[in-house]
Amino acid sequence: MPGSDPEKRAQNLLEQFQKEELENDDVFHSLSPCNLDEEEELEISGAQEFSLFQEELVAEQLTYMDATLFKNVVPHHCLGCIWSRRDKQENKHLAQSIRATISQFNAVTNCVVSTVLDSRELKTRQRAKTLEKWIRIARQCRILNNFSSLKAIVSALQSTSVYRLKKTWACVPKDTMLMFEELSEIFSDCDNFATSRELLLKGVTHGTVPYLGTFLTDLVMLDTALQDYLEGGLINFEKRRRFPAFTRN
């Protein structure tokens, strides 16, 4: 926890280890018969570095970040009457809690794409390994009921820049491809995203991080379809009844 005693002790240990590491590096460089120039040093590419992370750990960290943002969502920020006006210059301050979740979603999507398209020097099988790893991370997100990062990863893998890599996808094992197809089906737009809605309701009792995009779209459409006031200036209580969790008091 931020500011806790264990965090302070951990920070002190980290500083101590970093100091010792610097001292050891100085000794190494002074004893080494030949030192590499900066341009000759071996670098680990983004894809190679990414391959070192455990899939379960990545999914857990993504879920922690998504859950923290979701807990901080202000319900009435989701209302169509607020969210639909977000792009106007004078409304840049509106719906900050929703903007934060979208920024996280975009960050995950960009991370997936950048690791897959790391560099032109990557071989086809190396890219395939990266695809496979992301699919397995997406599977772990599904197990954790983190539909937000799951949707972000699936969307990134379905993006044009990644999905057009036909030779790379051909190197992905069949069982992994079947897994990807099953995960993709969750967000199928068939019957108004019926599958994802059903899974979300089933996971509520066990803790779930939803993908807000579907529901933000619903609320914007409802806000557009239903007027705030009826003829004669009467309040449209039918519209307000549809938003019991989002009333602003």
Protein backbone atom coordinates (compact mmCIF):
# COMPACT_ATOMS: atom_id res chain seq x y z
CA MET A 1 0.00 0.00 0.00
CA PRO A 2 1.31 3.50 -0.84
CA GLY A 3 2.91 5.21 2.15
CA SER A 4 2.90 2.06 4.29
CA ASP A 5 5.85 0.94 6.41
CA PRO A 6 6.55 -2.14 4.22
CA GLU A 7 6.72 0.13 1.16
CA LYS A 8 9.27 2.39 2.88
CA ARG A 9 11.41 -0.61 3.87
CA ALA A 10 11.18 -1.96 0.33
CA GLN A 11 12.25 1.41 -1.07
CA ASN A 12 15.25 1.51 1.27
CA LEU A 13 16.26 -2.01 0.21
CA LEU A 14 15.85 -1.08 -3.46
CA GLU A 15 18.12 1.96 -3.05
CA GLN A 16 20.68 -0.19 -1.23
CA PHE A 17 20.67 -2.83 -3.98
CA GLN A 18 20.95 -0.19 -6.70
CA LYS A 19 23.95 1.35 -4.93
CA GLU A 20 25.64 -2.05 -4.61
CA GLU A 21 24.90 -2.78 -8.28
CA LEU A 22 26.54 0.48 -9.37
CA GLU A 23 29.61 -0.30 -7.24
CA ASN A 24 29.85 -3.78 -8.75
CA ASP A 25 29.56 -2.35 -12.26
CA ASP A 26 32.41 0.08 -11.56
CA VAL A 27 34.62 -2.81 -10.40
CA PHE A 28 33.72 -4.87 -13.46
CA HIS A 29 34.53 -2.08 -15.90
CA SER A 30 37.86 -1.34 -14.19
CA LEU A 31 38.94 -4.99 -14.38
CA SER A 32 37.59 -5.80 -17.83
CA PRO A 33 40.38 -6.01 -20.47
CA CYS A 34 38.11 -4.65 -23.17
CA ASN A 35 34.94 -2.63 -22.85
CA LEU A 36 32.28 -2.40 -25.49
CA ASP A 37 31.53 0.97 -27.02
CA GLU A 38 27.97 2.20 -26.55
CA GLU A 39 27.04 1.46 -30.16
CA GLU A 40 28.44 -2.07 -29.81
CA GLU A 41 26.50 -2.97 -26.69
CA LEU A 42 23.94 -5.70 -27.10
CA GLU A 43 20.40 -4.50 -26.69
CA ILE A 44 17.32 -6.51 -25.89
CA SER A 45 14.51 -5.66 -28.29
CA GLY A 46 11.00 -4.99 -27.03
CA ALA A 47 9.72 -8.38 -28.19
CA GLN A 48 12.63 -10.25 -26.58
CA GLU A 49 12.19 -8.35 -23.32
CA PHE A 50 8.45 -9.02 -23.38
CA SER A 51 9.06 -12.75 -23.77
CA LEU A 52 10.71 -12.81 -20.33
CA PHE A 53 7.49 -11.87 -18.50
CA GLN A 54 5.21 -14.59 -17.13
CA GLU A 55 1.78 -14.59 -18.76
CA GLU A 56 -0.07 -14.96 -15.45
CA LEU A 57 1.83 -12.05 -13.95
CA VAL A 58 1.11 -9.74 -16.88
CA ALA A 59 -2.61 -10.59 -16.74
CA GLU A 60 -2.70 -10.03 -12.96
CA GLN A 61 -1.02 -6.64 -13.26
CA LEU A 62 -3.36 -5.56 -16.04
CA THR A 63 -6.32 -6.68 -13.98
CA TYR A 64 -5.08 -4.76 -10.94
CA MET A 65 -4.75 -1.55 -12.96
CA ASP A 66 -8.11 -2.00 -14.69
CA ALA A 67 -9.89 -2.83 -11.43
CA THR A 68 -8.43 0.25 -9.72
CA LEU A 69 -9.64 2.50 -12.53
CA PHE A 70 -13.06 0.84 -12.61
CA LYS A 71 -13.55 1.34 -8.87
CA ASN A 72 -12.89 5.05 -9.37
CA VAL A 73 -15.43 5.46 -12.16
CA VAL A 74 -18.03 8.09 -11.29
CA PRO A 75 -21.38 6.54 -12.40
CA HIS A 76 -22.96 9.68 -13.85
CA HIS A 77 -19.87 10.23 -16.04
CA CYS A 78 -21.18 7.29 -18.10
CA LEU A 79 -24.45 9.05 -18.94
CA GLY A 80 -24.97 9.76 -22.59
CA CYS A 81 -25.85 13.37 -21.88
CA ILE A 82 -22.33 13.84 -20.48
CA TRP A 83 -20.24 11.37 -22.45
CA SER A 84 -21.63 12.34 -25.85
CA ARG A 85 -20.46 15.95 -25.32
CA ARG A 86 -16.90 15.03 -24.31
CA ASP A 87 -15.22 16.06 -27.58
CA LYS A 88 -16.27 19.69 -27.42
CA GLN A 89 -13.46 22.04 -26.48
CA GLU A 90 -15.29 23.45 -23.48
CA ASN A 91 -16.01 19.96 -22.12
CA LYS A 92 -12.43 18.65 -21.90
CA HIS A 93 -12.80 18.47 -18.11
CA LEU A 94 -15.87 16.21 -18.26
CA ALA A 95 -15.88 12.48 -17.46
CA GLN A 96 -12.26 12.28 -16.28
CA SER A 97 -12.84 8.87 -14.65
CA ILE A 98 -14.04 7.43 -17.97
CA ARG A 99 -11.20 9.07 -19.87
CA ALA A 100 -8.75 7.32 -17.53
CA THR A 101 -10.18 3.87 -18.34
CA ILE A 102 -10.03 4.63 -22.07
CA SER A 103 -6.42 5.80 -21.81
CA GLN A 104 -5.53 2.51 -20.11
CA PHE A 105 -7.40 0.56 -22.79
CA ASN A 106 -5.52 2.40 -25.56
CA ALA A 107 -2.20 1.89 -23.77
CA VAL A 108 -2.73 -1.89 -23.67
CA THR A 109 -3.75 -1.93 -27.33
CA ASN A 110 -0.69 0.06 -28.38
CA CYS A 111 1.55 -2.19 -26.28
CA VAL A 112 0.27 -5.30 -28.06
CA VAL A 113 0.77 -3.81 -31.51
CA SER A 114 4.23 -2.41 -30.73
CA THR A 115 5.58 -5.71 -29.37
CA VAL A 116 4.29 -7.64 -32.37
CA LEU A 117 5.63 -5.11 -34.89
CA ASP A 118 8.78 -4.53 -32.87
CA SER A 119 11.25 -4.31 -35.75
CA ARG A 120 11.75 -5.49 -39.32
CA GLU A 121 14.63 -7.68 -38.21
CA LEU A 122 12.34 -10.01 -36.25
CA LYS A 123 11.86 -13.38 -37.85
CA THR A 124 8.41 -14.75 -38.59
CA ARG A 125 8.58 -17.36 -35.83
CA GLN A 126 9.64 -14.72 -33.31
CA ARG A 127 6.59 -12.64 -34.13
CA ALA A 128 4.45 -15.76 -33.93
CA LYS A 129 5.79 -16.41 -30.43
CA THR A 130 4.77 -12.89 -29.44
CA LEU A 131 1.27 -13.40 -30.86
CA GLU A 132 0.99 -16.68 -28.98
CA LYS A 133 2.07 -15.05 -25.73
CA TRP A 134 -0.50 -12.26 -26.03
CA ILE A 135 -3.25 -14.77 -26.76
CA ARG A 136 -2.33 -16.69 -23.61
CA ILE A 137 -2.28 -13.45 -21.62
CA ALA A 138 -5.76 -12.69 -22.98
CA ARG A 139 -6.83 -16.15 -21.83
CA GLN A 140 -5.56 -15.39 -18.32
CA CYS A 141 -7.49 -12.11 -18.37
CA ARG A 142 -10.61 -14.11 -19.23
CA ILE A 143 -9.99 -16.44 -16.28
CA LEU A 144 -9.66 -13.35 -14.04
CA ASN A 145 -12.89 -11.91 -15.52
CA ASN A 146 -10.98 -8.88 -16.78
CA PHE A 147 -13.01 -8.09 -19.88
CA SER A 148 -11.40 -4.69 -20.34
CA SER A 149 -7.84 -5.85 -21.07
CA LEU A 150 -9.24 -8.94 -22.80
CA LYS A 151 -11.08 -6.70 -25.25
CA ALA A 152 -8.00 -4.47 -25.67
CA ILE A 153 -5.73 -7.43 -26.53
CA VAL A 154 -8.24 -9.04 -28.89
CA SER A 155 -8.88 -5.71 -30.64
CA ALA A 156 -5.14 -5.14 -31.11
CA LEU A 157 -4.61 -8.62 -32.54
CA GLN A 158 -7.53 -8.06 -34.91
CA SER A 159 -6.21 -4.69 -36.06
CA THR A 160 -5.21 -4.40 -39.71
CA SER A 161 -1.51 -3.90 -39.01
CA VAL A 162 -1.31 -7.18 -37.04
CA TYR A 163 -3.95 -9.34 -38.66
CA ARG A 164 -2.43 -8.89 -42.16
CA LEU A 165 0.70 -10.82 -41.07
CA LYS A 166 -0.53 -14.01 -42.73
CA LYS A 167 2.80 -15.85 -42.61
CA THR A 168 3.19 -15.04 -38.93
CA TRP A 169 -0.31 -16.22 -38.04
CA ALA A 170 0.34 -19.41 -39.99
CA CYS A 171 3.16 -20.22 -37.53
CA VAL A 172 0.90 -19.93 -34.47
CA PRO A 173 -0.06 -23.41 -33.12
CA LYS A 174 -3.56 -24.60 -33.97
CA ASP A 175 -4.63 -24.97 -30.34
CA THR A 176 -3.61 -21.37 -29.69
CA MET A 177 -5.54 -20.20 -32.76
CA LEU A 178 -8.62 -22.02 -31.49
CA MET A 179 -8.18 -20.25 -28.16
CA PHE A 180 -7.98 -16.90 -29.96
CA GLU A 181 -11.12 -17.63 -31.95
CA GLU A 182 -13.00 -18.51 -28.76
CA LEU A 183 -11.85 -15.30 -27.07
CA SER A 184 -12.80 -13.27 -30.15
CA GLU A 185 -16.30 -14.75 -30.12
CA ILE A 186 -16.89 -13.23 -26.70
CA PHE A 187 -17.01 -9.77 -28.29
CA SER A 188 -18.97 -10.74 -31.37
CA ASP A 189 -21.57 -8.09 -32.20
CA CYS A 190 -24.12 -10.83 -32.87
CA ASP A 191 -27.44 -10.11 -31.08
CA ASN A 192 -26.11 -6.87 -29.65
CA PHE A 193 -23.04 -8.42 -28.00
CA ALA A 194 -25.19 -11.03 -26.28
CA THR A 195 -22.27 -13.33 -25.39
CA SER A 196 -20.19 -10.71 -23.59
CA ARG A 197 -23.25 -9.40 -21.74
CA GLU A 198 -24.18 -12.90 -20.57
CA LEU A 199 -20.64 -13.69 -19.39
CA LEU A 200 -20.44 -10.37 -17.60
CA LEU A 201 -23.62 -11.07 -15.63
CA LYS A 202 -22.37 -14.55 -14.70
CA GLY A 203 -19.11 -13.15 -13.40
CA VAL A 204 -20.60 -10.38 -11.26
CA THR A 205 -20.69 -12.50 -8.10
CA HIS A 206 -17.02 -13.44 -8.48
CA GLY A 207 -15.67 -9.98 -9.23
CA THR A 208 -15.52 -8.63 -12.76
CA VAL A 209 -13.85 -5.78 -14.62
CA PRO A 210 -16.18 -4.96 -17.52
CA TYR A 211 -15.41 -3.45 -20.89
CA LEU A 212 -17.18 -0.11 -20.57
CA GLY A 213 -17.27 0.65 -24.30
CA THR A 214 -20.39 -1.42 -24.91
CA PHE A 215 -22.34 0.25 -22.14
CA LEU A 216 -21.17 3.76 -22.96
CA THR A 217 -22.56 3.20 -26.45
CA ASP A 218 -25.84 1.92 -24.98
CA LEU A 219 -26.20 4.98 -22.77
CA VAL A 220 -25.46 7.41 -25.59
CA MET A 221 -28.06 5.70 -27.78
CA LEU A 222 -30.68 5.74 -25.01
CA ASP A 223 -29.97 9.37 -24.26
CA THR A 224 -30.41 10.22 -27.94
CA ALA A 225 -33.57 8.14 -28.38
CA LEU A 226 -35.38 9.39 -25.26
CA GLN A 227 -36.08 13.05 -24.61
CA ASP A 228 -35.46 14.64 -21.22
CA TYR A 229 -38.87 16.35 -21.26
CA LEU A 230 -42.26 15.53 -22.73
CA GLU A 231 -44.78 17.88 -24.26
CA GLY A 232 -45.79 20.61 -21.89
CA GLY A 233 -42.41 20.61 -20.16
CA LEU A 234 -43.15 17.45 -18.14
CA ILE A 235 -40.17 15.38 -16.93
CA ASN A 236 -39.70 12.13 -18.84
CA PHE A 237 -39.73 9.72 -15.89
CA GLU A 238 -39.49 6.74 -18.25
CA LYS A 239 -36.02 7.91 -19.27
CA ARG A 240 -34.95 8.45 -15.68
CA ARG A 241 -36.28 5.01 -14.75
CA ARG A 242 -33.86 3.49 -17.26
CA PHE A 243 -30.90 5.08 -15.44
CA PRO A 244 -31.53 4.21 -11.76
CA ALA A 245 -27.82 3.69 -11.04
CA PHE A 246 -26.75 6.91 -12.71
CA THR A 247 -29.02 9.52 -11.17
CA ARG A 248 -27.19 12.65 -10.13
CA ASN A 249 -28.16 13.85 -6.68
